[in-house]
Amino acid sequence: MITFQEQEDKVVTHRIIEVIKNGENTMYQTKGDYNEDADTQPVLAPNVIGTYTGFTIPYLGYFIDFAQSSKGTAILLIVPGVLLLLYSAITIVGALRELDKTSKNQETEKPA
């Protein structure tokens, strides 16, 4: 994978499918992962901005796209909020039961 300057204001990241050496010049034939055909123009080596180093996080792009959508943003805000409310409710119920046990124990220990 390389990132290259396609136009003056456009940067693209595509997979290298062929390295073309023409004397001292090196060009790369590239193809986007979601494109059926290879790019029509090979990329000249001086236009390459960055290269793939072997580290990826699979499916992270899908998660980021989902998180940036309106439904994804809503879900990523609502679900943790609901989980926090449930946790708080469980904690409060547990504390109330503990108080109830303590008050019952104190009542049974009182001399008559």
N, C-alpha and C. Protein backbone atom coordinates (compact mmCIF):
# COMPACT_ATOMS: atom_id res chain seq x y z
N MET A 1 0.85 -1.17 0.00
CA MET A 1 0.00 0.00 0.00
C MET A 1 0.89 1.22 0.00
N ILE A 2 0.48 2.18 -0.80
CA ILE A 2 1.19 3.46 -0.81
C ILE A 2 0.16 4.59 -0.78
N THR A 3 0.58 5.69 -0.23
CA THR A 3 -0.20 6.91 -0.29
C THR A 3 0.53 7.85 -1.23
N PHE A 4 -0.19 8.39 -2.19
CA PHE A 4 0.47 9.21 -3.20
C PHE A 4 -0.38 10.42 -3.55
N GLN A 5 0.29 11.41 -4.11
CA GLN A 5 -0.35 12.64 -4.55
C GLN A 5 -0.90 12.39 -5.95
N GLU A 6 -2.22 12.27 -6.07
CA GLU A 6 -2.82 12.01 -7.36
C GLU A 6 -2.99 13.32 -8.15
N GLN A 7 -3.47 14.32 -7.46
CA GLN A 7 -3.58 15.66 -8.02
C GLN A 7 -3.02 16.62 -6.98
N GLU A 8 -2.98 17.88 -7.31
CA GLU A 8 -2.39 18.85 -6.39
C GLU A 8 -3.11 18.87 -5.03
N ASP A 9 -4.42 18.67 -5.05
CA ASP A 9 -5.20 18.73 -3.82
C ASP A 9 -5.83 17.39 -3.45
N LYS A 10 -5.32 16.28 -4.01
CA LYS A 10 -5.93 14.97 -3.76
C LYS A 10 -4.85 13.94 -3.43
N VAL A 11 -4.99 13.34 -2.23
CA VAL A 11 -4.08 12.28 -1.78
C VAL A 11 -4.87 10.98 -1.76
N VAL A 12 -4.26 9.89 -2.27
CA VAL A 12 -4.94 8.60 -2.41
C VAL A 12 -4.07 7.51 -1.81
N THR A 13 -4.72 6.51 -1.20
CA THR A 13 -4.01 5.32 -0.72
C THR A 13 -4.56 4.11 -1.46
N HIS A 14 -3.69 3.42 -2.19
CA HIS A 14 -4.08 2.22 -2.95
C HIS A 14 -3.02 1.14 -2.80
N ARG A 15 -3.42 -0.05 -3.15
CA ARG A 15 -2.54 -1.21 -3.10
C ARG A 15 -1.67 -1.27 -4.36
N ILE A 16 -0.40 -1.62 -4.19
CA ILE A 16 0.49 -1.80 -5.34
C ILE A 16 0.24 -3.18 -5.92
N ILE A 17 -0.04 -3.23 -7.23
CA ILE A 17 -0.24 -4.53 -7.86
C ILE A 17 0.92 -4.88 -8.80
N GLU A 18 1.74 -3.87 -9.15
CA GLU A 18 2.89 -4.14 -10.00
C GLU A 18 3.90 -3.00 -9.87
N VAL A 19 5.17 -3.36 -9.83
CA VAL A 19 6.25 -2.38 -9.83
C VAL A 19 6.85 -2.37 -11.23
N ILE A 20 6.88 -1.18 -11.82
CA ILE A 20 7.38 -1.04 -13.19
C ILE A 20 8.69 -0.26 -13.14
N LYS A 21 9.77 -0.90 -13.58
CA LYS A 21 11.08 -0.23 -13.63
C LYS A 21 11.38 0.10 -15.08
N ASN A 22 11.63 1.37 -15.32
CA ASN A 22 11.93 1.84 -16.67
C ASN A 22 13.23 2.62 -16.61
N GLY A 23 14.34 1.91 -16.75
CA GLY A 23 15.65 2.55 -16.61
C GLY A 23 15.86 2.95 -15.15
N GLU A 24 16.06 4.23 -14.90
CA GLU A 24 16.26 4.72 -13.53
C GLU A 24 14.94 5.06 -12.85
N ASN A 25 13.87 5.13 -13.61
CA ASN A 25 12.56 5.50 -13.06
C ASN A 25 11.83 4.27 -12.54
N THR A 26 11.13 4.48 -11.44
CA THR A 26 10.28 3.43 -10.88
C THR A 26 8.86 3.96 -10.83
N MET A 27 7.92 3.14 -11.30
CA MET A 27 6.51 3.49 -11.25
C MET A 27 5.75 2.33 -10.61
N TYR A 28 4.62 2.65 -10.04
CA TYR A 28 3.80 1.65 -9.35
C TYR A 28 2.42 1.62 -9.99
N GLN A 29 2.00 0.42 -10.39
CA GLN A 29 0.63 0.24 -10.85
C GLN A 29 -0.20 -0.04 -9.61
N THR A 30 -1.24 0.72 -9.38
CA THR A 30 -2.02 0.61 -8.15
C THR A 30 -3.48 0.28 -8.45
N LYS A 31 -4.15 -0.15 -7.41
CA LYS A 31 -5.58 -0.49 -7.51
C LYS A 31 -6.20 -0.27 -6.14
N GLY A 32 -7.33 0.41 -6.12
CA GLY A 32 -8.08 0.57 -4.88
C GLY A 32 -8.74 -0.74 -4.50
N ASP A 33 -8.84 -1.02 -3.22
CA ASP A 33 -9.43 -2.29 -2.77
C ASP A 33 -10.87 -2.47 -3.23
N TYR A 34 -11.61 -1.39 -3.38
CA TYR A 34 -13.02 -1.50 -3.78
C TYR A 34 -13.24 -1.20 -5.26
N ASN A 35 -12.16 -1.03 -6.01
CA ASN A 35 -12.26 -0.81 -7.44
C ASN A 35 -12.10 -2.13 -8.18
N GLU A 36 -12.86 -2.31 -9.25
CA GLU A 36 -12.74 -3.54 -10.02
C GLU A 36 -11.49 -3.57 -10.88
N ASP A 37 -11.11 -2.41 -11.41
CA ASP A 37 -9.97 -2.33 -12.32
C ASP A 37 -8.82 -1.56 -11.68
N ALA A 38 -7.63 -1.81 -12.22
CA ALA A 38 -6.45 -1.08 -11.76
C ALA A 38 -6.56 0.38 -12.19
N ASP A 39 -5.82 1.24 -11.50
CA ASP A 39 -5.78 2.66 -11.87
C ASP A 39 -5.21 2.80 -13.27
N THR A 40 -5.70 3.78 -14.01
CA THR A 40 -5.27 3.94 -15.40
C THR A 40 -3.85 4.48 -15.53
N GLN A 41 -3.43 5.32 -14.61
CA GLN A 41 -2.10 5.91 -14.67
C GLN A 41 -1.21 5.33 -13.58
N PRO A 42 -0.02 4.84 -13.92
CA PRO A 42 0.91 4.39 -12.88
C PRO A 42 1.39 5.58 -12.06
N VAL A 43 1.78 5.32 -10.82
CA VAL A 43 2.24 6.37 -9.91
C VAL A 43 3.76 6.47 -10.01
N LEU A 44 4.25 7.66 -10.24
CA LEU A 44 5.69 7.88 -10.27
C LEU A 44 6.23 7.88 -8.85
N ALA A 45 7.41 7.33 -8.66
CA ALA A 45 8.02 7.23 -7.33
C ALA A 45 8.09 8.57 -6.60
N PRO A 46 8.40 9.69 -7.26
CA PRO A 46 8.45 10.96 -6.53
C PRO A 46 7.10 11.42 -5.98
N ASN A 47 6.00 10.87 -6.50
CA ASN A 47 4.67 11.24 -6.01
C ASN A 47 4.25 10.47 -4.76
N VAL A 48 5.03 9.47 -4.37
CA VAL A 48 4.69 8.64 -3.20
C VAL A 48 4.97 9.45 -1.93
N ILE A 49 3.96 9.53 -1.08
CA ILE A 49 4.06 10.27 0.18
C ILE A 49 4.37 9.33 1.34
N GLY A 50 3.74 8.16 1.36
CA GLY A 50 3.92 7.21 2.45
C GLY A 50 3.78 5.79 1.96
N THR A 51 4.34 4.85 2.73
CA THR A 51 4.26 3.44 2.37
C THR A 51 3.72 2.64 3.54
N TYR A 52 3.16 1.51 3.23
CA TYR A 52 2.62 0.59 4.23
C TYR A 52 3.78 -0.08 4.97
N THR A 53 3.71 -0.11 6.30
CA THR A 53 4.82 -0.66 7.09
C THR A 53 4.52 -2.03 7.66
N GLY A 54 3.36 -2.58 7.39
CA GLY A 54 3.06 -3.93 7.87
C GLY A 54 2.18 -3.98 9.09
N PHE A 55 1.73 -2.85 9.62
CA PHE A 55 0.89 -2.84 10.80
C PHE A 55 -0.53 -2.41 10.43
N THR A 56 -1.49 -3.25 10.73
CA THR A 56 -2.89 -2.88 10.49
C THR A 56 -3.73 -3.29 11.68
N ILE A 57 -4.85 -2.65 11.80
CA ILE A 57 -5.86 -3.05 12.78
C ILE A 57 -7.09 -3.43 11.96
N PRO A 58 -7.32 -4.74 11.81
CA PRO A 58 -8.41 -5.18 10.94
C PRO A 58 -9.76 -4.60 11.37
N TYR A 59 -10.54 -4.19 10.39
CA TYR A 59 -11.91 -3.70 10.55
C TYR A 59 -12.03 -2.39 11.31
N LEU A 60 -10.92 -1.75 11.66
CA LEU A 60 -11.00 -0.47 12.37
C LEU A 60 -11.68 0.59 11.52
N GLY A 61 -11.42 0.58 10.24
CA GLY A 61 -12.05 1.55 9.35
C GLY A 61 -13.57 1.44 9.34
N TYR A 62 -14.07 0.20 9.38
CA TYR A 62 -15.52 -0.01 9.43
C TYR A 62 -16.09 0.58 10.72
N PHE A 63 -15.39 0.36 11.84
CA PHE A 63 -15.86 0.89 13.12
C PHE A 63 -15.86 2.41 13.11
N ILE A 64 -14.81 3.03 12.56
CA ILE A 64 -14.73 4.48 12.52
C ILE A 64 -15.85 5.04 11.63
N ASP A 65 -16.10 4.41 10.48
CA ASP A 65 -17.20 4.86 9.62
C ASP A 65 -18.53 4.76 10.35
N PHE A 66 -18.74 3.66 11.07
CA PHE A 66 -19.98 3.48 11.83
C PHE A 66 -20.09 4.54 12.92
N ALA A 67 -18.99 4.78 13.64
CA ALA A 67 -19.01 5.76 14.73
C ALA A 67 -19.30 7.17 14.22
N GLN A 68 -18.93 7.47 12.99
CA GLN A 68 -19.15 8.81 12.44
C GLN A 68 -20.55 8.97 11.85
N SER A 69 -21.28 7.88 11.69
CA SER A 69 -22.65 7.99 11.19
C SER A 69 -23.56 8.44 12.34
N SER A 70 -24.73 8.95 12.00
CA SER A 70 -25.65 9.43 13.05
C SER A 70 -26.14 8.28 13.93
N LYS A 71 -26.43 7.13 13.33
CA LYS A 71 -26.87 5.97 14.13
C LYS A 71 -25.73 5.48 15.02
N GLY A 72 -24.52 5.43 14.48
CA GLY A 72 -23.38 4.96 15.25
C GLY A 72 -23.10 5.86 16.43
N THR A 73 -23.14 7.17 16.21
CA THR A 73 -22.90 8.12 17.28
C THR A 73 -23.96 7.95 18.38
N ALA A 74 -25.21 7.82 17.97
CA ALA A 74 -26.28 7.64 18.95
C ALA A 74 -26.08 6.37 19.76
N ILE A 75 -25.78 5.27 19.08
CA ILE A 75 -25.59 3.99 19.79
C ILE A 75 -24.40 4.06 20.72
N LEU A 76 -23.30 4.66 20.26
CA LEU A 76 -22.09 4.73 21.08
C LEU A 76 -22.24 5.68 22.27
N LEU A 77 -23.25 6.53 22.25
CA LEU A 77 -23.54 7.37 23.41
C LEU A 77 -24.60 6.74 24.31
N ILE A 78 -25.63 6.15 23.70
CA ILE A 78 -26.75 5.62 24.48
C ILE A 78 -26.39 4.33 25.21
N VAL A 79 -25.74 3.39 24.54
CA VAL A 79 -25.44 2.09 25.15
C VAL A 79 -24.58 2.24 26.41
N PRO A 80 -23.46 2.98 26.37
CA PRO A 80 -22.70 3.14 27.62
C PRO A 80 -23.51 3.85 28.70
N GLY A 81 -24.35 4.81 28.31
CA GLY A 81 -25.19 5.50 29.30
C GLY A 81 -26.15 4.55 29.98
N VAL A 82 -26.79 3.70 29.20
CA VAL A 82 -27.73 2.71 29.76
C VAL A 82 -26.98 1.74 30.66
N LEU A 83 -25.81 1.29 30.24
CA LEU A 83 -25.02 0.38 31.07
C LEU A 83 -24.62 1.03 32.39
N LEU A 84 -24.26 2.31 32.35
CA LEU A 84 -23.93 3.03 33.60
C LEU A 84 -25.14 3.15 34.51
N LEU A 85 -26.31 3.41 33.93
CA LEU A 85 -27.53 3.48 34.74
C LEU A 85 -27.85 2.13 35.38
N LEU A 86 -27.71 1.05 34.61
CA LEU A 86 -27.95 -0.29 35.17
C LEU A 86 -26.97 -0.60 36.30
N TYR A 87 -25.70 -0.28 36.08
CA TYR A 87 -24.70 -0.52 37.12
C TYR A 87 -25.02 0.29 38.37
N SER A 88 -25.43 1.53 38.19
CA SER A 88 -25.79 2.38 39.34
C SER A 88 -26.99 1.80 40.08
N ALA A 89 -27.99 1.34 39.32
CA ALA A 89 -29.18 0.76 39.95
C ALA A 89 -28.83 -0.49 40.74
N ILE A 90 -27.99 -1.35 40.18
CA ILE A 90 -27.58 -2.57 40.89
C ILE A 90 -26.80 -2.22 42.15
N THR A 91 -25.93 -1.23 42.06
CA THR A 91 -25.15 -0.81 43.23
C THR A 91 -26.05 -0.23 44.32
N ILE A 92 -27.03 0.57 43.92
CA ILE A 92 -27.95 1.17 44.89
C ILE A 92 -28.80 0.09 45.55
N VAL A 93 -29.30 -0.85 44.77
CA VAL A 93 -30.11 -1.94 45.34
C VAL A 93 -29.26 -2.76 46.32
N GLY A 94 -28.03 -3.05 45.96
CA GLY A 94 -27.15 -3.79 46.87
C GLY A 94 -26.88 -3.02 48.15
N ALA A 95 -26.67 -1.72 48.05
CA ALA A 95 -26.44 -0.90 49.25
C ALA A 95 -27.68 -0.85 50.12
N LEU A 96 -28.87 -0.74 49.51
CA LEU A 96 -30.11 -0.72 50.29
C LEU A 96 -30.34 -2.05 51.01
N ARG A 97 -30.03 -3.15 50.34
CA ARG A 97 -30.17 -4.46 51.00
C ARG A 97 -29.21 -4.58 52.18
N GLU A 98 -28.02 -4.08 52.00
CA GLU A 98 -27.02 -4.11 53.08
C GLU A 98 -27.49 -3.26 54.26
N LEU A 99 -28.04 -2.10 53.99
CA LEU A 99 -28.59 -1.26 55.06
C LEU A 99 -29.75 -1.95 55.76
N ASP A 100 -30.59 -2.62 54.98
CA ASP A 100 -31.73 -3.33 55.55
C ASP A 100 -31.26 -4.46 56.47
N LYS A 101 -30.24 -5.21 56.04
CA LYS A 101 -29.68 -6.28 56.88
C LYS A 101 -29.11 -5.71 58.17
N THR A 102 -28.38 -4.60 58.03
CA THR A 102 -27.76 -3.98 59.20
C THR A 102 -28.82 -3.50 60.19
N SER A 103 -29.88 -2.88 59.69
CA SER A 103 -30.92 -2.39 60.59
C SER A 103 -31.68 -3.55 61.25
N LYS A 104 -31.91 -4.65 60.52
CA LYS A 104 -32.57 -5.83 61.11
C LYS A 104 -31.69 -6.48 62.17
N ASN A 105 -30.39 -6.54 61.92
CA ASN A 105 -29.46 -7.10 62.90
C ASN A 105 -29.42 -6.26 64.17
N GLN A 106 -29.49 -4.95 64.04
CA GLN A 106 -29.47 -4.07 65.20
C GLN A 106 -30.75 -4.21 66.00
N GLU A 107 -31.87 -4.42 65.32
CA GLU A 107 -33.16 -4.59 66.02
C GLU A 107 -33.18 -5.90 66.79
N THR A 108 -32.61 -6.97 66.25
CA THR A 108 -32.63 -8.26 66.95
C THR A 108 -31.64 -8.29 68.10
N GLU A 109 -30.64 -7.45 68.07
CA GLU A 109 -29.64 -7.43 69.14
C GLU A 109 -30.08 -6.58 70.33
N LYS A 110 -31.12 -5.76 70.19
CA LYS A 110 -31.58 -4.90 71.29
C LYS A 110 -32.17 -5.77 72.40
N PRO A 111 -31.81 -5.48 73.66
CA PRO A 111 -32.42 -6.25 74.78
C PRO A 111 -33.87 -5.85 74.96
N ALA A 112 -34.69 -6.78 75.31
CA ALA A 112 -36.12 -6.54 75.46
C ALA A 112 -36.47 -6.04 76.82
